[in-house]
N, C-alpha and C. Protein backbone atom coordinates (compact mmCIF):
# COMPACT_ATOMS: atom_id res chain seq x y z
N UNK A 1 -10.02 65.81 -76.56
CA UNK A 1 -11.26 66.52 -77.42
C UNK A 1 -10.59 66.88 -78.88
N UNK A 2 -10.61 66.55 -80.05
CA UNK A 2 -10.07 67.04 -81.08
C UNK A 2 -10.61 68.45 -81.30
N UNK A 3 -9.92 69.14 -82.48
CA UNK A 3 -10.89 70.49 -83.16
C UNK A 3 -11.85 70.05 -83.65
N UNK A 4 -12.78 70.71 -83.66
CA UNK A 4 -13.89 70.55 -84.08
C UNK A 4 -14.87 69.91 -83.19
N UNK A 5 -14.74 69.48 -82.09
CA UNK A 5 -15.38 68.84 -80.69
C UNK A 5 -16.54 67.88 -80.94
N UNK A 6 -15.62 67.27 -82.03
CA UNK A 6 -16.50 65.49 -81.82
C UNK A 6 -15.02 64.71 -82.00
N UNK A 7 -15.26 63.52 -81.34
CA UNK A 7 -14.74 62.25 -81.36
C UNK A 7 -14.87 61.49 -82.51
N UNK A 8 -13.00 60.59 -82.73
CA UNK A 8 -13.01 60.02 -83.99
C UNK A 8 -14.00 58.73 -83.64
N UNK A 9 -14.54 57.86 -84.77
CA UNK A 9 -15.33 57.13 -84.50
C UNK A 9 -14.34 56.17 -83.85
N UNK A 10 -14.72 54.76 -82.94
CA UNK A 10 -14.63 54.02 -82.14
C UNK A 10 -14.66 53.15 -82.77
N UNK A 11 -13.83 51.78 -82.75
CA UNK A 11 -13.89 51.15 -83.72
C UNK A 11 -14.28 49.86 -82.82
N UNK A 12 -15.54 48.95 -82.88
CA UNK A 12 -15.91 48.11 -82.76
C UNK A 12 -15.35 46.64 -83.32
N UNK A 13 -15.15 45.80 -82.08
CA UNK A 13 -14.75 44.43 -82.30
C UNK A 13 -16.17 43.53 -82.30
N UNK A 14 -16.44 43.10 -83.20
CA UNK A 14 -17.39 42.15 -83.74
C UNK A 14 -17.01 40.69 -83.20
N UNK A 15 -15.82 40.30 -83.35
CA UNK A 15 -15.10 38.71 -83.38
C UNK A 15 -13.66 38.96 -83.33
N UNK A 16 -13.29 37.62 -82.81
CA UNK A 16 -12.05 37.82 -82.92
C UNK A 16 -11.33 38.19 -84.23
N UNK A 17 -10.46 39.27 -84.46
CA UNK A 17 -9.90 39.51 -85.84
C UNK A 17 -10.90 40.39 -86.74
N UNK A 18 -12.72 40.53 -86.27
CA UNK A 18 -13.15 41.17 -87.03
C UNK A 18 -13.35 42.57 -86.62
N UNK A 19 -13.04 43.77 -87.41
CA UNK A 19 -13.63 44.93 -86.70
C UNK A 19 -14.06 46.05 -87.22
N UNK A 20 -14.99 46.29 -86.67
CA UNK A 20 -15.89 47.44 -88.12
C UNK A 20 -15.97 48.77 -87.28
N UNK A 21 -15.35 49.84 -88.23
CA UNK A 21 -15.24 51.01 -87.54
C UNK A 21 -16.63 51.87 -88.23
N UNK A 22 -17.57 52.47 -87.06
CA UNK A 22 -18.85 53.29 -87.59
C UNK A 22 -18.37 54.58 -88.61
N UNK A 23 -19.31 54.62 -89.64
CA UNK A 23 -18.98 55.90 -90.20
C UNK A 23 -20.01 56.81 -90.46
N UNK A 24 -19.65 57.80 -90.25
CA UNK A 24 -21.00 59.09 -90.02
C UNK A 24 -21.82 58.87 -91.38
N UNK A 25 -23.34 59.09 -91.45
CA UNK A 25 -23.74 58.45 -92.57
C UNK A 25 -24.05 57.34 -92.65
N UNK A 26 -23.93 56.08 -91.96
CA UNK A 26 -23.86 54.84 -92.97
C UNK A 26 -25.17 53.95 -93.33
N UNK A 27 -26.02 54.82 -93.24
CA UNK A 27 -27.19 54.39 -94.26
C UNK A 27 -26.82 55.04 -95.28
N UNK A 28 -27.09 53.96 -96.64
CA UNK A 28 -26.83 54.68 -97.55
C UNK A 28 -27.79 55.24 -98.60
N UNK A 29 -27.73 56.68 -99.14
CA UNK A 29 -28.72 56.83 -100.04
C UNK A 29 -29.78 56.61 -100.55
N UNK A 30 -30.86 57.17 -100.65
CA UNK A 30 -31.77 56.29 -102.02
C UNK A 30 -31.51 56.64 -102.99
N UNK A 31 -30.72 57.77 -103.28
CA UNK A 31 -30.72 58.27 -104.71
C UNK A 31 -29.30 57.53 -105.32
N UNK A 32 -29.16 56.27 -104.55
CA UNK A 32 -27.92 55.39 -105.18
C UNK A 32 -28.82 54.03 -106.07
N UNK A 33 -29.79 54.14 -105.53
CA UNK A 33 -30.64 52.85 -105.82
C UNK A 33 -31.27 52.99 -106.72
N UNK A 34 -31.55 54.35 -107.33
CA UNK A 34 -32.24 54.73 -108.42
C UNK A 34 -31.65 54.54 -109.60
N UNK A 35 -30.15 54.84 -109.78
CA UNK A 35 -29.77 54.37 -111.15
C UNK A 35 -29.45 53.19 -110.94
N UNK A 36 -29.13 52.32 -110.04
CA UNK A 36 -28.97 51.01 -110.11
C UNK A 36 -29.99 50.35 -110.81
N UNK A 37 -31.12 50.97 -110.18
CA UNK A 37 -32.34 50.25 -110.83
C UNK A 37 -32.54 50.38 -111.72
N UNK A 38 -32.49 51.46 -112.45
CA UNK A 38 -32.63 51.58 -113.87
C UNK A 38 -31.87 51.08 -114.84
N UNK A 39 -30.69 50.93 -114.46
CA UNK A 39 -29.96 50.23 -114.90
C UNK A 39 -30.00 48.72 -115.07
N UNK A 40 -30.53 48.18 -114.13
CA UNK A 40 -30.88 46.62 -113.92
C UNK A 40 -32.03 45.87 -114.72
N UNK A 41 -33.34 47.17 -114.42
CA UNK A 41 -34.27 46.75 -115.37
C UNK A 41 -33.92 47.15 -116.80
N UNK A 42 -32.83 47.80 -117.41
CA UNK A 42 -32.98 48.08 -118.79
C UNK A 42 -31.92 46.74 -119.25
N UNK A 43 -31.16 46.11 -118.42
CA UNK A 43 -30.43 45.03 -119.14
C UNK A 43 -31.55 43.77 -118.65
N UNK A 44 -32.38 43.84 -117.81
CA UNK A 44 -33.00 42.38 -117.34
C UNK A 44 -34.74 42.90 -117.37
N UNK A 45 -35.17 43.49 -118.23
CA UNK A 45 -36.75 44.00 -118.79
C UNK A 45 -37.63 43.26 -118.18
N UNK A 46 -37.36 41.79 -118.28
CA UNK A 46 -38.67 40.80 -117.83
C UNK A 46 -38.54 40.88 -115.99
N UNK A 47 -37.78 41.40 -115.53
CA UNK A 47 -37.68 41.27 -114.01
C UNK A 47 -38.69 42.51 -113.36
N UNK A 48 -39.15 43.26 -114.60
CA UNK A 48 -39.47 44.82 -113.58
C UNK A 48 -41.01 44.69 -112.96
N UNK A 49 -41.61 42.84 -113.12
CA UNK A 49 -43.03 43.16 -112.51
C UNK A 49 -42.28 42.14 -110.88
N UNK A 50 -41.15 42.05 -110.91
CA UNK A 50 -40.74 41.05 -109.49
C UNK A 50 -40.97 42.35 -108.28
N UNK A 51 -41.34 41.54 -107.13
CA UNK A 51 -41.21 42.40 -106.08
C UNK A 51 -40.27 42.82 -105.92
N UNK A 52 -40.09 44.38 -104.87
CA UNK A 52 -39.42 45.08 -104.37
C UNK A 52 -37.87 44.19 -103.47
N UNK A 53 -38.66 42.86 -102.82
CA UNK A 53 -37.50 41.79 -102.10
C UNK A 53 -36.88 41.34 -103.31
N UNK A 54 -37.35 41.17 -104.02
CA UNK A 54 -36.56 40.27 -105.26
C UNK A 54 -35.36 41.40 -106.10
N UNK A 55 -36.06 42.20 -106.55
CA UNK A 55 -35.09 43.66 -106.60
C UNK A 55 -34.03 43.78 -105.89
N UNK A 56 -34.18 44.00 -104.78
CA UNK A 56 -33.09 44.05 -103.67
C UNK A 56 -32.04 43.25 -103.60
N UNK A 57 -32.63 41.91 -103.71
CA UNK A 57 -31.50 40.57 -103.73
C UNK A 57 -30.73 40.59 -105.12
N UNK A 58 -31.32 40.76 -106.14
CA UNK A 58 -30.71 41.03 -107.75
C UNK A 58 -29.89 42.09 -107.71
N UNK A 59 -30.54 43.27 -107.11
CA UNK A 59 -29.37 44.74 -107.32
C UNK A 59 -27.97 44.05 -106.42
N UNK A 60 -28.17 43.17 -105.64
CA UNK A 60 -27.12 43.05 -104.88
C UNK A 60 -26.34 42.04 -105.47
N UNK A 61 -26.76 40.44 -105.44
CA UNK A 61 -26.50 39.39 -106.04
C UNK A 61 -25.90 39.66 -107.49
N UNK A 62 -26.34 40.66 -108.72
CA UNK A 62 -26.11 40.64 -110.03
C UNK A 62 -24.72 42.02 -109.67
N UNK A 63 -24.16 42.12 -108.69
CA UNK A 63 -23.66 43.64 -108.68
C UNK A 63 -23.89 45.04 -108.83
N UNK A 64 -24.70 45.24 -108.99
CA UNK A 64 -25.07 46.72 -109.37
C UNK A 64 -25.15 47.59 -107.92
N UNK A 65 -25.00 46.89 -106.99
CA UNK A 65 -24.90 47.96 -105.72
C UNK A 65 -23.82 46.85 -104.84
N UNK A 66 -23.15 47.55 -104.31
CA UNK A 66 -21.86 46.82 -103.12
C UNK A 66 -22.52 46.44 -101.92
N UNK A 67 -24.08 46.60 -101.90
CA UNK A 67 -25.04 46.20 -100.85
C UNK A 67 -26.29 45.67 -100.94
N UNK A 68 -27.15 44.95 -100.49
CA UNK A 68 -28.41 44.82 -100.61
C UNK A 68 -29.04 46.09 -99.79
N UNK A 69 -29.65 46.93 -100.62
CA UNK A 69 -31.08 48.01 -99.86
C UNK A 69 -31.54 47.54 -99.30
N UNK A 70 -32.06 48.38 -98.96
CA UNK A 70 -33.18 47.98 -97.77
C UNK A 70 -34.65 47.91 -98.72
N UNK A 71 -35.46 47.28 -98.45
CA UNK A 71 -37.09 47.14 -99.05
C UNK A 71 -36.96 48.45 -99.98
N UNK A 72 -37.51 49.27 -98.46
CA UNK A 72 -38.11 50.45 -98.49
C UNK A 72 -37.70 51.44 -99.45
N UNK A 73 -36.31 51.25 -99.72
CA UNK A 73 -35.29 52.08 -100.58
C UNK A 73 -35.75 51.45 -102.12
N UNK A 74 -35.68 50.24 -102.20
CA UNK A 74 -35.98 49.61 -103.64
C UNK A 74 -37.63 50.05 -103.88
N UNK A 75 -38.58 50.25 -103.05
CA UNK A 75 -39.99 50.64 -103.10
C UNK A 75 -40.18 51.99 -103.74
N UNK A 76 -38.96 53.10 -102.73
CA UNK A 76 -39.08 54.56 -103.08
C UNK A 76 -38.24 54.56 -104.60
N UNK A 77 -37.55 53.81 -105.24
CA UNK A 77 -36.60 53.93 -106.29
C UNK A 77 -37.64 53.42 -107.33
N UNK A 78 -38.53 52.59 -107.15
CA UNK A 78 -39.54 51.98 -107.78
C UNK A 78 -40.67 53.36 -108.33
N UNK A 79 -40.82 53.64 -107.41
CA UNK A 79 -41.82 54.67 -107.44
C UNK A 79 -41.39 55.75 -108.16
N UNK A 80 -40.14 56.46 -107.65
CA UNK A 80 -39.69 57.17 -108.55
C UNK A 80 -39.54 57.24 -110.10
N UNK A 81 -39.04 55.81 -110.50
CA UNK A 81 -38.84 55.23 -111.94
C UNK A 81 -40.37 55.46 -112.40
N UNK A 82 -41.22 55.10 -111.92
CA UNK A 82 -42.48 55.08 -112.46
C UNK A 82 -43.20 56.69 -113.14
N UNK A 83 -42.91 57.12 -111.39
CA UNK A 83 -43.25 58.72 -111.88
C UNK A 83 -42.21 59.56 -112.87
N UNK A 84 -41.35 58.78 -113.12
CA UNK A 84 -40.60 59.68 -114.49
C UNK A 84 -40.98 58.95 -115.52
N UNK A 85 -41.54 57.57 -115.89
CA UNK A 85 -41.76 56.96 -117.06
C UNK A 85 -40.53 55.97 -117.08
N UNK A 86 -39.98 55.66 -116.19
CA UNK A 86 -38.92 55.25 -116.68
C UNK A 86 -39.14 53.64 -116.71
N UNK A 87 -40.25 53.02 -115.98
CA UNK A 87 -40.87 51.52 -116.10
C UNK A 87 -42.03 51.47 -116.31
N UNK A 88 -42.62 50.46 -116.41
CA UNK A 88 -44.24 50.65 -116.81
C UNK A 88 -45.13 50.22 -115.45
N UNK A 89 -46.17 50.90 -115.37
CA UNK A 89 -46.34 50.67 -114.42
C UNK A 89 -47.33 49.75 -113.75
């Protein structure tokens, strides 16, 4: 056992030649979604009325985020932006 009392992450082989190493805190924090969503809506204001599913896809497809956020993350970011006056409710 290494110093610190924890084992290093173990690589998982998914398919031949494809390996994934788990990372601690592999869930992306919600606070990454809010700034990306704010920027997306400032550049494309007409999509502000889109649902969270569509916004989640657009954040990824338009490369505002390197991953597609979960719907609940987008919903939380929309609520936060509405509370701070960043978007029209």
